[in-house]
N, C-alpha and C. Protein backbone atom coordinates (compact mmCIF):
# COMPACT_ATOMS: atom_id res chain seq x y z
N MET A 1 85.98 137.76 95.81
CA MET A 1 86.11 138.80 96.96
C MET A 1 85.56 138.06 97.92
N TRP A 2 86.24 138.36 99.26
CA TRP A 2 85.55 137.21 100.45
C TRP A 2 86.39 138.24 101.52
N ASN A 3 85.33 138.75 102.41
CA ASN A 3 85.66 139.92 103.74
C ASN A 3 86.72 140.91 103.13
N GLY A 4 86.40 141.45 102.20
CA GLY A 4 87.33 142.62 101.46
C GLY A 4 88.91 141.82 101.03
N LYS A 5 88.73 140.78 100.75
CA LYS A 5 90.23 140.77 100.48
C LYS A 5 89.69 139.42 98.98
N ARG A 6 90.90 139.62 98.00
CA ARG A 6 90.54 138.62 96.92
C ARG A 6 91.35 137.41 97.38
N VAL A 7 90.73 136.38 96.87
CA VAL A 7 90.92 134.91 97.36
C VAL A 7 90.83 133.92 95.64
N ARG A 8 92.13 133.18 95.60
CA ARG A 8 92.20 132.48 94.35
C ARG A 8 91.51 131.04 94.74
N THR A 9 90.81 130.36 94.27
CA THR A 9 90.08 129.11 94.61
C THR A 9 89.76 128.36 93.60
N SER A 10 89.84 126.86 93.36
CA SER A 10 89.35 126.15 92.74
C SER A 10 88.10 125.46 92.99
N ILE A 11 87.51 126.13 93.82
CA ILE A 11 86.17 125.41 94.35
C ILE A 11 85.16 125.30 93.58
N PHE A 12 84.85 126.26 92.57
CA PHE A 12 83.75 126.65 91.59
C PHE A 12 83.84 125.51 90.58
N LYS A 13 83.39 124.41 90.35
CA LYS A 13 83.50 123.59 89.17
C LYS A 13 82.27 123.59 88.18
N GLN A 14 82.22 122.94 87.32
CA GLN A 14 81.03 122.50 86.26
C GLN A 14 81.39 120.72 85.63
N PRO A 15 80.25 120.60 85.62
CA PRO A 15 80.26 119.02 85.06
C PRO A 15 80.96 119.42 83.65
N VAL A 16 82.01 118.36 83.26
CA VAL A 16 82.78 118.20 82.16
C VAL A 16 81.95 116.78 81.27
N ALA A 17 81.99 117.02 80.29
CA ALA A 17 81.73 116.17 79.03
C ALA A 17 82.90 115.54 78.63
N GLY A 18 82.74 114.05 77.74
CA GLY A 18 83.90 113.64 77.35
C GLY A 18 85.20 113.25 78.33
N ARG A 19 86.12 112.47 77.84
CA ARG A 19 86.92 111.86 78.76
C ARG A 19 88.39 112.85 79.28
N VAL A 20 88.52 112.90 80.81
CA VAL A 20 89.39 113.57 81.10
C VAL A 20 90.53 112.93 81.66
N ARG A 21 92.06 113.51 81.70
CA ARG A 21 93.06 112.55 81.76
C ARG A 21 93.29 112.74 83.32
N VAL A 22 93.63 112.05 83.86
CA VAL A 22 93.61 111.85 85.52
C VAL A 22 95.41 111.60 85.45
N SER A 23 95.82 112.89 86.16
CA SER A 23 97.54 112.29 86.69
C SER A 23 97.81 112.03 88.07
N LYS A 24 98.85 112.29 88.58
CA LYS A 24 99.47 111.63 89.71
C LYS A 24 98.83 112.88 91.24
N LEU A 25 98.65 114.15 90.19
CA LEU A 25 98.17 115.44 91.34
C LEU A 25 96.84 116.00 91.17
N ASN A 26 96.30 115.78 89.79
CA ASN A 26 95.23 116.27 89.81
C ASN A 26 94.55 115.88 88.08
N LEU A 27 93.15 116.18 88.15
CA LEU A 27 92.45 116.02 86.81
C LEU A 27 92.94 116.82 85.66
N ALA A 28 93.08 116.82 84.47
CA ALA A 28 93.36 118.06 83.79
C ALA A 28 92.83 119.06 83.40
N GLY A 29 92.79 120.18 83.85
CA GLY A 29 91.98 121.20 83.94
C GLY A 29 91.33 121.53 84.98
N ASP A 30 91.93 120.99 86.05
CA ASP A 30 91.21 120.93 87.31
C ASP A 30 92.23 121.16 88.33
N GLU A 31 93.29 122.00 88.06
CA GLU A 31 94.62 122.39 89.27
C GLU A 31 93.92 122.86 90.88
N GLN A 32 94.66 122.66 91.65
CA GLN A 32 94.29 123.03 92.80
C GLN A 32 94.78 124.52 92.92
N SER A 33 94.18 125.62 93.91
CA SER A 33 94.54 126.69 93.56
C SER A 33 96.06 126.70 94.78
N ASP A 34 95.88 126.81 95.72
CA ASP A 34 96.57 126.89 97.08
C ASP A 34 97.18 125.32 97.36
N LEU A 35 97.99 125.12 97.04
CA LEU A 35 99.01 123.60 97.32
C LEU A 35 99.62 123.88 98.50
N ALA A 36 99.30 124.96 99.27
CA ALA A 36 99.80 125.21 101.05
C ALA A 36 99.18 123.87 101.53
N VAL A 37 97.74 123.99 101.23
CA VAL A 37 96.83 123.48 102.13
C VAL A 37 95.76 122.32 101.10
N HIS A 38 95.64 122.35 99.64
CA HIS A 38 95.20 121.54 98.73
C HIS A 38 96.12 120.87 98.13
N GLY A 39 95.62 119.76 97.66
CA GLY A 39 96.12 118.77 96.54
C GLY A 39 97.37 117.80 97.35
N GLY A 40 98.44 117.64 96.27
CA GLY A 40 99.30 116.80 96.49
C GLY A 40 98.91 115.20 95.86
N ALA A 41 99.79 114.44 96.23
CA ALA A 41 99.51 112.75 95.66
C ALA A 41 98.22 112.62 96.98
N ASP A 42 98.44 112.73 98.04
CA ASP A 42 97.42 112.07 98.92
C ASP A 42 95.86 112.67 98.73
N LYS A 43 96.09 113.83 97.96
CA LYS A 43 94.57 114.62 97.77
C LYS A 43 94.45 115.03 96.35
N ALA A 44 95.15 114.13 95.43
CA ALA A 44 94.76 114.29 94.01
C ALA A 44 93.30 114.69 93.59
N VAL A 45 92.07 113.79 94.09
CA VAL A 45 91.04 113.42 93.42
C VAL A 45 90.29 113.94 95.05
N TYR A 46 89.03 114.52 94.57
CA TYR A 46 87.73 114.59 95.84
C TYR A 46 86.63 114.16 95.37
N ALA A 47 86.34 112.99 95.62
CA ALA A 47 84.76 112.32 95.90
C ALA A 47 84.04 112.61 96.88
N TYR A 48 82.48 112.86 96.10
CA TYR A 48 81.65 113.62 97.13
C TYR A 48 80.42 112.47 96.67
N PRO A 49 79.36 111.84 97.64
CA PRO A 49 78.58 110.78 97.53
C PRO A 49 77.11 111.89 96.99
N SER A 50 76.76 111.56 95.84
CA SER A 50 75.37 112.49 95.35
C SER A 50 74.47 112.00 96.45
N GLU A 51 74.44 110.78 97.44
CA GLU A 51 73.20 110.58 98.05
C GLU A 51 73.27 111.58 99.13
N HIS A 52 74.19 112.61 99.31
CA HIS A 52 74.08 113.35 100.26
C HIS A 52 73.36 114.91 99.63
N TYR A 53 73.08 115.21 98.42
CA TYR A 53 72.68 116.36 98.10
C TYR A 53 71.22 116.45 98.71
N PRO A 54 70.11 115.30 98.53
CA PRO A 54 68.72 115.51 98.87
C PRO A 54 68.55 116.25 100.51
N LEU A 55 70.02 115.28 101.30
CA LEU A 55 69.73 115.92 102.84
C LEU A 55 70.10 117.12 102.66
N TRP A 56 71.10 117.60 101.95
CA TRP A 56 71.58 119.13 101.85
C TRP A 56 70.54 120.06 101.63
N ARG A 57 69.74 119.63 100.41
CA ARG A 57 68.45 120.42 100.12
C ARG A 57 67.82 120.50 100.70
N ALA A 58 67.43 119.23 101.75
CA ALA A 58 66.55 119.48 102.94
C ALA A 58 66.59 120.58 104.02
N GLU A 59 67.98 120.72 104.27
CA GLU A 59 68.61 121.55 105.40
C GLU A 59 68.84 122.65 105.02
N LEU A 60 69.21 123.07 103.59
CA LEU A 60 69.37 124.42 103.03
C LEU A 60 68.24 124.93 102.10
N PRO A 61 67.53 124.72 102.19
CA PRO A 61 66.09 124.79 100.91
C PRO A 61 66.74 126.08 100.48
N GLU A 62 66.91 127.20 100.97
CA GLU A 62 67.10 128.36 100.36
C GLU A 62 68.11 128.64 99.61
N VAL A 63 69.27 127.59 99.34
CA VAL A 63 70.65 127.43 98.68
C VAL A 63 70.55 126.62 97.37
N ASP A 64 70.63 127.14 96.17
CA ASP A 64 70.72 126.49 94.84
C ASP A 64 72.15 125.19 94.93
N LEU A 65 71.88 124.23 94.82
CA LEU A 65 73.13 122.82 94.96
C LEU A 65 73.24 122.20 93.56
N PRO A 66 74.00 122.88 93.14
CA PRO A 66 74.28 121.78 91.65
C PRO A 66 75.12 121.02 92.01
N TRP A 67 75.67 120.03 90.92
CA TRP A 67 76.36 119.12 91.23
C TRP A 67 77.75 119.54 91.39
N ALA A 68 78.59 118.87 92.44
CA ALA A 68 80.08 119.89 92.43
C ALA A 68 79.99 121.28 93.07
N ILE A 69 79.00 121.65 93.91
CA ILE A 69 79.31 122.57 94.64
C ILE A 69 79.76 122.76 95.72
N PHE A 70 80.06 121.16 96.24
CA PHE A 70 81.11 121.07 97.44
C PHE A 70 82.78 121.09 96.99
N GLY A 71 82.93 121.30 95.49
CA GLY A 71 84.45 121.10 95.16
C GLY A 71 84.72 119.84 94.44
N GLU A 72 84.05 119.07 94.53
CA GLU A 72 84.37 117.39 94.34
C GLU A 72 84.68 117.41 92.68
N ASN A 73 85.63 116.50 92.60
CA ASN A 73 85.90 115.81 91.04
C ASN A 73 85.12 115.23 90.73
N PHE A 74 84.47 114.15 91.65
CA PHE A 74 83.80 113.28 91.27
C PHE A 74 82.43 113.10 92.30
N THR A 75 81.42 113.43 91.56
CA THR A 75 80.13 113.09 92.05
C THR A 75 79.97 111.82 92.32
N THR A 76 79.57 110.92 93.35
CA THR A 76 79.51 109.50 92.75
C THR A 76 78.41 108.71 93.37
N GLU A 77 78.08 107.70 93.02
CA GLU A 77 77.04 106.94 93.65
C GLU A 77 77.17 105.90 94.30
N GLY A 78 76.57 105.30 95.40
CA GLY A 78 77.08 104.14 96.07
C GLY A 78 78.45 104.09 96.91
N LEU A 79 78.86 105.21 97.51
CA LEU A 79 80.22 104.80 98.00
C LEU A 79 79.95 105.98 99.16
N LEU A 80 79.65 105.62 100.19
CA LEU A 80 79.52 106.24 101.32
C LEU A 80 80.55 106.37 102.50
N GLU A 81 80.39 107.30 103.41
CA GLU A 81 81.81 107.37 104.28
C GLU A 81 81.32 106.22 105.10
N ASP A 82 80.62 105.62 105.61
CA ASP A 82 80.31 104.60 106.71
C ASP A 82 80.54 103.21 105.96
N THR A 83 80.78 103.17 104.69
CA THR A 83 81.01 101.95 104.07
C THR A 83 82.59 101.69 103.19
N VAL A 84 83.18 103.12 102.98
CA VAL A 84 84.43 103.32 102.32
C VAL A 84 85.25 103.32 103.19
N HIS A 85 86.36 102.32 103.22
CA HIS A 85 87.51 102.15 104.09
C HIS A 85 88.53 102.76 103.45
N ILE A 86 89.30 103.61 104.63
CA ILE A 86 90.81 104.24 104.00
C ILE A 86 91.57 102.92 103.87
N GLY A 87 92.01 103.19 102.27
CA GLY A 87 92.55 102.08 101.66
C GLY A 87 92.13 100.87 100.82
N ASP A 88 90.77 101.25 100.51
CA ASP A 88 90.35 100.83 99.47
C ASP A 88 90.53 101.40 98.16
N GLN A 89 90.47 100.13 97.17
CA GLN A 89 91.13 100.58 95.62
C GLN A 89 90.13 100.48 94.70
N PHE A 90 89.68 101.65 93.74
CA PHE A 90 88.92 101.36 92.86
C PHE A 90 89.23 101.55 91.31
N HIS A 91 88.97 100.75 90.30
CA HIS A 91 88.79 101.50 88.86
C HIS A 91 87.93 102.37 88.52
N ILE A 92 88.21 103.33 88.14
CA ILE A 92 87.25 104.38 87.63
C ILE A 92 88.00 104.32 85.84
N GLY A 93 87.19 104.13 84.74
CA GLY A 93 88.17 104.19 83.44
C GLY A 93 89.20 103.65 83.49
N SER A 94 90.17 104.13 83.41
CA SER A 94 91.35 103.21 83.05
C SER A 94 92.42 103.52 84.14
N ALA A 95 91.85 104.37 85.03
CA ALA A 95 92.46 104.88 85.93
C ALA A 95 92.47 104.18 87.58
N LYS A 96 93.32 104.29 88.19
CA LYS A 96 93.45 103.19 89.73
C LYS A 96 93.41 104.26 90.63
N PHE A 97 92.70 104.24 91.78
CA PHE A 97 92.69 105.05 93.06
C PHE A 97 92.67 104.42 94.26
N ILE A 98 93.22 105.04 95.38
CA ILE A 98 93.12 104.65 96.84
C ILE A 98 92.55 105.57 97.51
N VAL A 99 91.53 104.93 98.53
CA VAL A 99 91.05 105.99 99.40
C VAL A 99 92.41 106.33 100.26
N THR A 100 92.27 107.45 100.59
CA THR A 100 93.13 108.18 102.06
C THR A 100 92.90 108.47 102.84
N GLN A 101 91.78 109.53 102.33
CA GLN A 101 91.35 110.36 103.76
C GLN A 101 90.09 111.08 103.94
N PRO A 102 89.48 111.53 104.64
CA PRO A 102 88.08 112.25 104.55
C PRO A 102 88.67 113.75 104.01
N ARG A 103 87.38 114.34 103.97
CA ARG A 103 87.95 115.93 103.34
C ARG A 103 87.76 116.64 104.72
N MET A 104 88.67 117.46 104.87
CA MET A 104 88.65 118.34 105.74
C MET A 104 88.28 119.88 105.46
N PRO A 105 87.21 120.72 105.45
CA PRO A 105 86.84 121.70 104.87
C PRO A 105 87.61 123.15 104.98
N CYS A 106 88.12 123.93 104.41
CA CYS A 106 88.66 125.36 105.17
C CYS A 106 87.46 126.49 104.75
N TYR A 107 87.76 127.51 105.08
CA TYR A 107 86.93 128.61 104.37
C TYR A 107 86.66 128.97 103.47
N LYS A 108 87.15 128.22 102.53
CA LYS A 108 86.63 128.64 100.94
C LYS A 108 85.19 127.66 100.56
N LEU A 109 84.87 126.67 101.63
CA LEU A 109 83.56 126.24 101.42
C LEU A 109 82.60 127.18 101.59
N GLY A 110 82.80 127.90 102.64
CA GLY A 110 81.97 129.21 103.10
C GLY A 110 81.75 130.02 102.12
N ILE A 111 83.03 130.47 101.25
CA ILE A 111 82.78 131.02 100.03
C ILE A 111 81.87 130.70 98.85
N ARG A 112 82.07 129.36 98.50
CA ARG A 112 81.08 128.84 97.71
C ARG A 112 79.67 129.01 98.02
N PHE A 113 79.30 128.82 99.46
CA PHE A 113 78.11 128.75 99.70
C PHE A 113 77.57 130.50 100.26
N GLY A 114 78.62 131.03 100.35
CA GLY A 114 78.38 132.18 100.58
C GLY A 114 77.77 132.70 102.24
N ARG A 115 78.04 131.67 102.92
CA ARG A 115 77.76 131.49 104.36
C ARG A 115 78.95 131.07 105.46
N ALA A 116 79.24 131.90 106.19
CA ALA A 116 80.40 131.38 106.92
C ALA A 116 80.30 130.38 107.88
N ASP A 117 78.65 129.79 108.15
CA ASP A 117 78.50 128.63 108.91
C ASP A 117 78.35 127.31 108.36
N MET A 118 79.21 127.16 106.77
CA MET A 118 78.98 126.24 106.29
C MET A 118 80.37 124.94 106.58
N VAL A 119 81.30 125.73 107.06
CA VAL A 119 82.28 124.67 107.15
C VAL A 119 82.33 123.91 108.70
N LYS A 120 81.12 124.45 109.64
CA LYS A 120 81.11 123.70 110.78
C LYS A 120 79.93 123.04 110.33
N ARG A 121 78.49 123.50 109.57
CA ARG A 121 77.88 122.41 109.59
C ARG A 121 78.41 121.17 108.55
N PHE A 122 79.32 121.54 107.56
CA PHE A 122 79.65 120.65 106.85
C PHE A 122 80.31 119.21 107.89
N LEU A 123 81.35 119.88 108.74
CA LEU A 123 81.96 118.92 109.75
C LEU A 123 81.24 118.23 110.78
N GLN A 124 80.37 118.91 111.06
CA GLN A 124 79.08 118.32 112.13
C GLN A 124 77.91 117.19 111.36
N SER A 125 77.99 117.29 110.18
CA SER A 125 77.21 116.55 109.42
C SER A 125 77.87 115.09 109.47
N GLY A 126 78.86 115.11 109.16
CA GLY A 126 79.77 113.84 108.65
C GLY A 126 79.76 113.62 107.43
N ARG A 127 79.23 114.30 106.80
CA ARG A 127 78.96 113.99 105.22
C ARG A 127 80.10 114.65 104.37
N THR A 128 81.26 114.14 104.57
CA THR A 128 82.63 114.54 104.41
C THR A 128 83.07 114.48 102.90
N GLY A 129 82.84 113.37 102.41
CA GLY A 129 83.09 112.79 101.15
C GLY A 129 84.68 112.30 101.46
N PHE A 130 85.29 111.91 100.40
CA PHE A 130 86.84 111.52 100.52
C PHE A 130 87.51 112.00 99.61
N TYR A 131 89.20 111.85 99.91
CA TYR A 131 89.98 111.85 98.95
C TYR A 131 90.52 110.63 98.31
N LEU A 132 91.07 110.63 96.91
CA LEU A 132 91.70 109.78 96.26
C LEU A 132 93.23 109.97 95.91
N ALA A 133 94.14 108.91 96.26
CA ALA A 133 95.17 109.06 95.40
C ALA A 133 95.00 108.53 94.01
N VAL A 134 96.19 108.69 93.47
CA VAL A 134 96.34 108.11 91.73
C VAL A 134 97.09 106.97 91.74
N LEU A 135 96.61 105.57 91.91
CA LEU A 135 97.67 104.61 91.89
C LEU A 135 98.07 104.57 90.47
N GLN A 136 97.11 104.50 89.29
CA GLN A 136 97.52 104.48 87.65
C GLN A 136 97.08 105.79 86.99
N GLU A 137 97.61 106.15 86.43
CA GLU A 137 97.01 107.62 85.78
C GLU A 137 96.25 106.83 84.47
N GLY A 138 95.13 107.61 84.05
CA GLY A 138 94.68 107.27 82.86
C GLY A 138 93.35 108.08 82.80
N GLU A 139 92.28 107.85 82.01
CA GLU A 139 91.19 108.75 81.61
C GLU A 139 89.70 108.28 82.10
N VAL A 140 89.02 109.40 82.64
CA VAL A 140 87.82 108.98 83.34
C VAL A 140 86.80 109.97 82.47
N SER A 141 85.33 109.40 82.60
CA SER A 141 84.26 110.35 82.17
C SER A 141 83.22 110.17 83.03
N ALA A 142 82.31 111.00 83.11
CA ALA A 142 80.90 110.88 84.00
C ALA A 142 80.00 109.62 83.67
N SER A 143 80.60 108.90 82.54
CA SER A 143 79.86 107.47 82.13
C SER A 143 80.76 106.22 82.88
N ASP A 144 81.83 106.52 83.35
CA ASP A 144 82.30 105.32 84.05
C ASP A 144 81.74 104.76 85.47
N SER A 145 81.84 103.40 85.39
CA SER A 145 81.51 103.03 86.70
C SER A 145 82.35 103.07 87.63
N ILE A 146 82.45 102.69 88.92
CA ILE A 146 83.23 102.45 89.95
C ILE A 146 83.52 101.19 90.22
N LYS A 147 84.75 100.69 89.80
CA LYS A 147 84.74 99.44 90.27
C LYS A 147 85.83 98.92 91.41
N ILE A 148 85.17 98.10 92.50
CA ILE A 148 85.83 97.88 93.76
C ILE A 148 86.89 96.78 93.16
N ILE A 149 88.33 97.21 93.59
CA ILE A 149 89.45 96.35 93.07
C ILE A 149 89.73 95.47 94.58
N SER A 150 89.94 96.07 95.62
CA SER A 150 90.02 95.58 96.54
C SER A 150 89.82 96.55 98.20
N ARG A 151 89.29 95.75 99.18
CA ARG A 151 88.89 96.57 100.26
C ARG A 151 89.94 96.18 101.34
N ASP A 152 90.28 97.61 101.98
CA ASP A 152 91.23 97.50 102.92
C ASP A 152 91.22 96.62 104.16
N GLU A 153 91.99 95.51 104.10
CA GLU A 153 92.14 94.59 105.49
C GLU A 153 92.19 95.34 107.21
N HIS A 154 92.27 96.70 107.04
CA HIS A 154 92.16 97.05 108.25
C HIS A 154 90.58 97.48 108.71
N GLY A 155 89.77 97.37 108.24
CA GLY A 155 88.58 97.80 108.24
C GLY A 155 88.17 99.07 108.82
N VAL A 156 89.03 100.15 108.38
CA VAL A 156 88.49 101.34 108.93
C VAL A 156 87.94 102.49 108.29
N THR A 157 86.80 102.70 108.37
CA THR A 157 85.69 103.82 107.36
C THR A 157 86.37 105.02 107.48
N VAL A 158 86.25 105.86 106.50
CA VAL A 158 86.47 107.12 106.55
C VAL A 158 85.45 108.09 107.41
N ALA A 159 84.39 107.26 107.89
CA ALA A 159 83.02 107.97 108.89
C ALA A 159 84.02 107.59 110.33
N ASP A 160 84.72 106.40 110.65
CA ASP A 160 85.57 106.51 111.53
C ASP A 160 86.61 107.35 111.90
N VAL A 161 87.21 107.76 110.77
CA VAL A 161 88.21 108.86 110.96
C VAL A 161 87.72 109.99 111.32
N VAL A 162 86.78 110.43 110.80
CA VAL A 162 85.85 111.83 110.70
C VAL A 162 85.38 111.84 112.49
N THR A 163 84.70 110.52 112.88
CA THR A 163 84.31 110.82 114.31
C THR A 163 85.56 110.87 114.95
N LEU A 164 86.56 110.19 114.89
CA LEU A 164 87.62 110.24 115.88
C LEU A 164 88.38 111.80 116.19
N TYR A 165 88.58 112.46 115.01
CA TYR A 165 88.97 113.85 114.30
C TYR A 165 87.70 114.80 115.29
N THR A 166 86.12 114.68 115.22
CA THR A 166 85.37 115.22 115.85
C THR A 166 84.43 115.43 117.04
N THR A 167 84.51 113.87 117.18
CA THR A 167 83.92 113.77 118.56
C THR A 167 84.22 112.89 119.33
N ASP A 168 85.07 112.10 118.94
CA ASP A 168 85.18 111.05 119.94
C ASP A 168 86.81 110.26 119.98
N ALA A 169 87.84 111.49 120.57
CA ALA A 169 89.09 111.41 120.78
C ALA A 169 89.61 110.28 121.89
N THR A 170 89.00 110.00 122.40
CA THR A 170 89.08 108.94 123.73
C THR A 170 89.13 107.37 123.47
N ASN A 171 88.54 107.30 122.03
CA ASN A 171 88.66 105.78 121.73
C ASN A 171 89.83 105.23 121.72
N GLN A 172 90.41 104.70 122.36
CA GLN A 172 91.85 104.10 122.32
C GLN A 172 92.18 102.92 121.35
N GLY A 173 91.14 102.23 121.24
CA GLY A 173 91.45 101.05 120.06
C GLY A 173 91.14 101.38 118.98
N LEU A 174 90.46 102.63 118.60
CA LEU A 174 90.20 102.82 117.47
C LEU A 174 91.35 103.88 116.95
N LEU A 175 91.90 104.79 117.82
CA LEU A 175 92.72 105.57 117.58
C LEU A 175 94.17 104.62 117.29
N ARG A 176 94.49 103.49 117.97
CA ARG A 176 95.82 102.83 117.73
C ARG A 176 95.52 102.36 116.51
N ARG A 177 94.09 101.65 115.97
CA ARG A 177 94.08 101.24 114.64
C ARG A 177 94.37 102.21 113.73
N VAL A 178 94.04 103.32 113.71
CA VAL A 178 93.96 104.49 112.58
C VAL A 178 95.10 105.05 112.35
N SER A 179 95.95 105.10 113.99
CA SER A 179 97.55 105.66 113.91
C SER A 179 98.23 104.60 112.98
N GLU A 180 97.87 103.23 112.68
CA GLU A 180 98.84 102.41 112.05
C GLU A 180 98.45 102.14 110.70
N LEU A 181 97.57 102.60 110.32
CA LEU A 181 96.69 102.67 108.98
C LEU A 181 97.88 102.72 107.55
N PRO A 182 98.44 102.22 107.02
CA PRO A 182 99.42 102.32 105.97
C PRO A 182 98.89 103.61 105.03
N ALA A 183 97.32 103.45 104.76
CA ALA A 183 96.93 104.59 103.67
C ALA A 183 96.80 105.79 103.88
N LEU A 184 96.48 105.88 105.41
CA LEU A 184 96.34 107.44 105.91
C LEU A 184 97.69 108.15 105.82
N PRO A 185 97.51 109.38 105.14
CA PRO A 185 98.66 110.05 105.15
C PRO A 185 99.61 110.22 106.46
N GLU A 186 100.85 110.51 106.70
CA GLU A 186 101.40 110.51 107.88
C GLU A 186 101.08 111.54 108.69
N GLY A 187 100.68 112.70 108.23
CA GLY A 187 100.10 113.83 109.12
C GLY A 187 98.88 113.55 109.95
N TRP A 188 98.20 112.80 109.35
CA TRP A 188 96.77 112.45 110.16
C TRP A 188 97.55 111.33 111.04
N ARG A 189 98.23 110.36 110.64
CA ARG A 189 98.65 109.32 111.62
C ARG A 189 99.34 109.93 112.78
N ASP A 190 99.95 110.79 112.62
CA ASP A 190 100.82 111.32 113.79
C ASP A 190 99.94 112.36 114.64
N TYR A 191 98.81 112.86 113.85
CA TYR A 191 97.72 113.52 114.70
C TYR A 191 96.89 112.47 115.51
N PHE A 192 97.00 111.32 115.39
CA PHE A 192 96.15 110.36 116.10
C PHE A 192 96.86 109.95 117.22
N ARG A 193 98.42 109.71 117.10
CA ARG A 193 99.30 108.83 117.81
C ARG A 193 99.76 109.69 119.23
N GLN A 194 99.43 110.88 119.01
CA GLN A 194 99.77 111.99 119.91
C GLN A 194 98.44 111.95 120.99
N ARG A 195 97.35 111.37 120.56
CA ARG A 195 96.26 111.22 121.53
C ARG A 195 96.17 109.90 122.25
N LEU A 196 97.06 108.97 121.69
CA LEU A 196 97.07 107.70 122.45
C LEU A 196 97.80 107.77 123.79
N TRP A 197 97.09 107.09 124.64
CA TRP A 197 97.41 107.21 126.11
C TRP A 197 98.83 106.28 126.37
N ASP A 198 99.65 106.58 127.22
CA ASP A 198 100.68 105.53 127.77
C ASP A 198 100.29 104.60 128.56
N PRO A 199 100.10 102.94 128.09
CA PRO A 199 99.26 102.20 128.97
C PRO A 199 100.19 102.22 130.39
N ASP A 200 101.62 102.59 130.48
CA ASP A 200 102.54 102.45 131.61
C ASP A 200 102.14 103.39 132.54
N THR A 201 101.44 104.57 132.45
CA THR A 201 101.08 105.80 133.31
C THR A 201 99.71 105.85 133.83
């Protein structure tokens, strides 16, 4: 129940033992609840860096922060928003993934934390994590390493996209690069194209 209404959400997650099947749209047993705003091929899997947890624990000492409280499918190590590029590809287990976009939170993050200000705090922190599309279906487990297959040649990080969206929509050079990123979903590219200036005006 949230603000007097019953809400369906998949943000409450628990660690899973053993191998889990990865399909084009999600992980077995972890389907998205509201497909109008969540899920789809470009947001099949959500990864969140474990390195952010100590920072959140320092900022929110009164909140219990178990793994996956942010709703992530993978809690990762060694992949941060300022070094991971949109379009980077990874092997995890027998599955293959590509980074597509940062996570923009909805009100359900506030539900999970029991505080309405969490969405704003999350965005302002820049610690968004990122979504992965599934290039090759397979199986993963918590013990699998993450192997980098390729780094996207455009060199636009997840953090670059977050910065453009939240604080710096006037950086025309970066806006142009981001609006042409093949791995970034069309909705994002169109959003940034609308913020480009016409050089002839």
